[in-house]
Amino acid sequence: MARLVLRPLWLLYKETLTEHGVRDKRALRLAHVSFYEGANTLVRLLDHMIEQGNLDQVHKTVRDHARHLDAMYGEGPQPRTPNH
């Protein structure tokens, strides 16, 4: 079974913040809380969609967000595929 581990993702996010000049402890704490609240909300949303049997919508949501993140971080937009 796959596990969702957010700590490495948070560390990458934190590194990005500090590279862009955010070093204030208060700002980093707020970013930390916001990061985990956002992750928690996303997991709850996906869980709800799965409980409702919307697996196609879950897959589409994950694909769309992954494509968006790839574009943001320079990997370029991924081609859209209707079934995957």
C-alpha atoms as a PDB file:
ATOM      1  CA  MET A   1       0.000   0.000   0.000  1.00  0.00           C
ATOM      2  CA  ALA A   2       1.285   3.461  -0.897  1.00  0.00           C
ATOM      3  CA  ARG A   3       1.812   6.032   1.835  1.00  0.00           C
ATOM      4  CA  LEU A   4       1.418   9.756   1.506  1.00  0.00           C
ATOM      5  CA  VAL A   5       4.425  11.419   3.132  1.00  0.00           C
ATOM      6  CA  LEU A   6       4.296  15.199   3.164  1.00  0.00           C
ATOM      7  CA  ARG A   7       7.502  15.968   5.070  1.00  0.00           C
ATOM      8  CA  PRO A   8       9.837  15.800   2.022  1.00  0.00           C
ATOM      9  CA  LEU A   9       7.399  17.958   0.074  1.00  0.00           C
ATOM     10  CA  TRP A  10       7.304  20.503   2.902  1.00  0.00           C
ATOM     11  CA  LEU A  11      11.113  20.607   3.030  1.00  0.00           C
ATOM     12  CA  LEU A  12      11.238  21.304  -0.707  1.00  0.00           C
ATOM     13  CA  TYR A  13       8.596  24.020  -0.304  1.00  0.00           C
ATOM     14  CA  LYS A  14      10.506  25.542   2.626  1.00  0.00           C
ATOM     15  CA  GLU A  15      13.748  25.514   0.644  1.00  0.00           C
ATOM     16  CA  THR A  16      12.003  27.335  -2.189  1.00  0.00           C
ATOM     17  CA  LEU A  17      10.685  29.945   0.244  1.00  0.00           C
ATOM     18  CA  THR A  18      14.107  30.579   1.765  1.00  0.00           C
ATOM     19  CA  GLU A  19      15.716  30.798  -1.681  1.00  0.00           C
ATOM     20  CA  HIS A  20      13.255  33.594  -2.442  1.00  0.00           C
ATOM     21  CA  GLY A  21      14.172  35.506   0.697  1.00  0.00           C
ATOM     22  CA  VAL A  22      11.588  34.292   3.221  1.00  0.00           C
ATOM     23  CA  ARG A  23      13.615  33.677   6.367  1.00  0.00           C
ATOM     24  CA  ASP A  24      11.474  35.245   9.062  1.00  0.00           C
ATOM     25  CA  LYS A  25      10.490  32.555  11.593  1.00  0.00           C
ATOM     26  CA  ARG A  26       6.922  33.826  11.844  1.00  0.00           C
ATOM     27  CA  ALA A  27       6.461  33.784   8.075  1.00  0.00           C
ATOM     28  CA  LEU A  28       7.888  30.250   7.883  1.00  0.00           C
ATOM     29  CA  ARG A  29       5.538  29.089  10.678  1.00  0.00           C
ATOM     30  CA  LEU A  30       2.557  30.561   8.843  1.00  0.00           C
ATOM     31  CA  ALA A  31       3.690  28.929   5.610  1.00  0.00           C
ATOM     32  CA  HIS A  32       4.112  25.620   7.450  1.00  0.00           C
ATOM     33  CA  VAL A  33       0.583  25.748   8.878  1.00  0.00           C
ATOM     34  CA  SER A  34      -0.854  26.806   5.519  1.00  0.00           C
ATOM     35  CA  PHE A  35       0.990  24.024   3.698  1.00  0.00           C
ATOM     36  CA  TYR A  36      -0.309  21.291   5.991  1.00  0.00           C
ATOM     37  CA  GLU A  37      -3.840  22.743   6.112  1.00  0.00           C
ATOM     38  CA  GLY A  38      -3.909  22.783   2.312  1.00  0.00           C
ATOM     39  CA  ALA A  39      -2.603  19.218   2.127  1.00  0.00           C
ATOM     40  CA  ASN A  40      -5.154  18.072   4.706  1.00  0.00           C
ATOM     41  CA  THR A  41      -7.975  19.720   2.764  1.00  0.00           C
ATOM     42  CA  LEU A  42      -6.840  18.113  -0.480  1.00  0.00           C
ATOM     43  CA  VAL A  43      -6.665  14.653   1.094  1.00  0.00           C
ATOM     44  CA  ARG A  44     -10.144  15.087   2.603  1.00  0.00           C
ATOM     45  CA  LEU A  45     -11.533  16.228  -0.739  1.00  0.00           C
ATOM     46  CA  LEU A  46     -10.043  13.259  -2.591  1.00  0.00           C
ATOM     47  CA  ASP A  47     -11.293  10.918   0.143  1.00  0.00           C
ATOM     48  CA  HIS A  48     -14.806  12.321  -0.222  1.00  0.00           C
ATOM     49  CA  MET A  49     -14.679  11.923  -3.999  1.00  0.00           C
ATOM     50  CA  ILE A  50     -13.554   8.303  -3.606  1.00  0.00           C
ATOM     51  CA  GLU A  51     -16.318   7.579  -1.074  1.00  0.00           C
ATOM     52  CA  GLN A  52     -18.856   8.964  -3.539  1.00  0.00           C
ATOM     53  CA  GLY A  53     -17.483   6.662  -6.234  1.00  0.00           C
ATOM     54  CA  ASN A  54     -16.118   9.467  -8.399  1.00  0.00           C
ATOM     55  CA  LEU A  55     -12.877   7.675  -9.262  1.00  0.00           C
ATOM     56  CA  ASP A  56     -12.726   9.102 -12.770  1.00  0.00           C
ATOM     57  CA  GLN A  57     -13.002  12.601 -11.307  1.00  0.00           C
ATOM     58  CA  VAL A  58     -10.269  11.796  -8.759  1.00  0.00           C
ATOM     59  CA  HIS A  59      -7.944  10.645 -11.543  1.00  0.00           C
ATOM     60  CA  LYS A  60      -8.745  13.728 -13.621  1.00  0.00           C
ATOM     61  CA  THR A  61      -8.122  16.033 -10.641  1.00  0.00           C
ATOM     62  CA  VAL A  62      -4.764  14.429  -9.872  1.00  0.00           C
ATOM     63  CA  ARG A  63      -3.686  14.521 -13.540  1.00  0.00           C
ATOM     64  CA  ASP A  64      -4.721  18.153 -13.962  1.00  0.00           C
ATOM     65  CA  HIS A  65      -2.888  19.283 -10.842  1.00  0.00           C
ATOM     66  CA  ALA A  66       0.210  17.261 -11.704  1.00  0.00           C
ATOM     67  CA  ARG A  67       0.249  18.826 -15.173  1.00  0.00           C
ATOM     68  CA  HIS A  68      -0.100  22.283 -13.618  1.00  0.00           C
ATOM     69  CA  LEU A  69       2.772  21.641 -11.178  1.00  0.00           C
ATOM     70  CA  ASP A  70       4.980  20.268 -13.952  1.00  0.00           C
ATOM     71  CA  ALA A  71       4.386  23.433 -15.959  1.00  0.00           C
ATOM     72  CA  MET A  72       5.144  25.631 -12.935  1.00  0.00           C
ATOM     73  CA  TYR A  73       8.406  23.869 -12.156  1.00  0.00           C
ATOM     74  CA  GLY A  74       9.765  23.827 -15.679  1.00  0.00           C
ATOM     75  CA  GLU A  75       9.031  20.306 -16.781  1.00  0.00           C
ATOM     76  CA  GLY A  76       6.672  21.697 -19.377  1.00  0.00           C
ATOM     77  CA  PRO A  77       3.006  20.994 -19.837  1.00  0.00           C
ATOM     78  CA  GLN A  78       2.084  17.387 -20.299  1.00  0.00           C
ATOM     79  CA  PRO A  79      -0.218  16.441 -23.165  1.00  0.00           C
ATOM     80  CA  ARG A  80      -3.790  15.762 -22.155  1.00  0.00           C
ATOM     81  CA  THR A  81      -4.988  12.221 -22.533  1.00  0.00           C
ATOM     82  CA  PRO A  82      -8.677  11.452 -22.285  1.00  0.00           C
ATOM     83  CA  ASN A  83      -8.341   8.094 -20.496  1.00  0.00           C
ATOM     84  CA  HIS A  84      -5.180   8.388 -18.405  1.00  0.00           C
END
